[in-house]
Amino acid sequence: MDMTLPFIGALSVPQFILAIIAIVFGIIMIIKPQIVAYLVGIYLIIWGVLFFISC
């Protein structure tokens, strides 16, 4: 079964690939927990910039 990712558009990704990506990111977060803080910070900055651009 495929899953459509809303932030990529009409791209359809098989669920087992999403599961593998989730497992890899989970392992990375266990090994390097600081990466989570960086990813959240980058996400918030990008979201804020996109919000201001769309206003």
C-alpha atoms as a PDB file:
ATOM      1  CA  MET A   1       0.000   0.000   0.000  1.00  0.00           C
ATOM      2  CA  ASP A   2       1.335   3.430  -0.925  1.00  0.00           C
ATOM      3  CA  MET A   3       1.050   6.600   1.107  1.00  0.00           C
ATOM      4  CA  THR A   4       0.803  10.064  -0.403  1.00  0.00           C
ATOM      5  CA  LEU A   5       2.925  12.638   1.372  1.00  0.00           C
ATOM      6  CA  PRO A   6       1.120  16.001   1.536  1.00  0.00           C
ATOM      7  CA  PHE A   7       4.277  18.121   1.770  1.00  0.00           C
ATOM      8  CA  ILE A   8       5.804  16.576  -1.364  1.00  0.00           C
ATOM      9  CA  GLY A   9       2.699  16.812  -3.529  1.00  0.00           C
ATOM     10  CA  ALA A  10       1.390  13.838  -5.433  1.00  0.00           C
ATOM     11  CA  LEU A  11       4.463  11.687  -4.752  1.00  0.00           C
ATOM     12  CA  SER A  12       3.434   8.252  -3.563  1.00  0.00           C
ATOM     13  CA  VAL A  13       5.844   6.373  -1.285  1.00  0.00           C
ATOM     14  CA  PRO A  14       5.482   2.714  -0.273  1.00  0.00           C
ATOM     15  CA  GLN A  15       4.878   2.293   3.450  1.00  0.00           C
ATOM     16  CA  PHE A  16       7.827  -0.066   3.949  1.00  0.00           C
ATOM     17  CA  ILE A  17      10.180   2.690   2.752  1.00  0.00           C
ATOM     18  CA  LEU A  18       8.605   5.095   5.258  1.00  0.00           C
ATOM     19  CA  ALA A  19       9.055   2.448   7.960  1.00  0.00           C
ATOM     20  CA  ILE A  20      12.750   2.033   7.093  1.00  0.00           C
ATOM     21  CA  ILE A  21      13.240   5.818   7.161  1.00  0.00           C
ATOM     22  CA  ALA A  22      11.512   5.993  10.564  1.00  0.00           C
ATOM     23  CA  ILE A  23      13.743   3.233  11.958  1.00  0.00           C
ATOM     24  CA  VAL A  24      16.912   4.922  10.661  1.00  0.00           C
ATOM     25  CA  PHE A  25      15.902   8.287  12.126  1.00  0.00           C
ATOM     26  CA  GLY A  26      15.021   6.570  15.423  1.00  0.00           C
ATOM     27  CA  ILE A  27      18.479   4.987  15.604  1.00  0.00           C
ATOM     28  CA  ILE A  28      20.138   8.322  14.783  1.00  0.00           C
ATOM     29  CA  MET A  29      18.137  10.026  17.552  1.00  0.00           C
ATOM     30  CA  ILE A  30      19.190   7.382  20.072  1.00  0.00           C
ATOM     31  CA  ILE A  31      22.861   7.675  19.092  1.00  0.00           C
ATOM     32  CA  LYS A  32      22.970  11.479  18.730  1.00  0.00           C
ATOM     33  CA  PRO A  33      20.109  13.104  20.724  1.00  0.00           C
ATOM     34  CA  GLN A  34      21.396  16.623  19.933  1.00  0.00           C
ATOM     35  CA  ILE A  35      20.334  16.110  16.315  1.00  0.00           C
ATOM     36  CA  VAL A  36      16.694  16.272  17.452  1.00  0.00           C
ATOM     37  CA  ALA A  37      17.197  19.776  18.815  1.00  0.00           C
ATOM     38  CA  TYR A  38      18.855  20.892  15.578  1.00  0.00           C
ATOM     39  CA  LEU A  39      16.097  19.385  13.424  1.00  0.00           C
ATOM     40  CA  VAL A  40      13.352  21.006  15.501  1.00  0.00           C
ATOM     41  CA  GLY A  41      15.178  24.341  15.388  1.00  0.00           C
ATOM     42  CA  ILE A  42      15.624  24.165  11.602  1.00  0.00           C
ATOM     43  CA  TYR A  43      11.979  23.175  11.176  1.00  0.00           C
ATOM     44  CA  LEU A  44      10.774  26.131  13.262  1.00  0.00           C
ATOM     45  CA  ILE A  45      13.007  28.592  11.415  1.00  0.00           C
ATOM     46  CA  ILE A  46      11.841  27.354   8.000  1.00  0.00           C
ATOM     47  CA  TRP A  47       8.200  27.363   9.108  1.00  0.00           C
ATOM     48  CA  GLY A  48       8.541  30.915  10.447  1.00  0.00           C
ATOM     49  CA  VAL A  49      10.210  32.183   7.278  1.00  0.00           C
ATOM     50  CA  LEU A  50       7.562  30.568   5.078  1.00  0.00           C
ATOM     51  CA  PHE A  51       4.826  32.087   7.259  1.00  0.00           C
ATOM     52  CA  PHE A  52       6.261  35.597   6.871  1.00  0.00           C
ATOM     53  CA  ILE A  53       6.734  35.165   3.114  1.00  0.00           C
ATOM     54  CA  SER A  54       3.107  34.091   2.668  1.00  0.00           C
ATOM     55  CA  CYS A  55       1.717  37.065   4.699  1.00  0.00           C
END
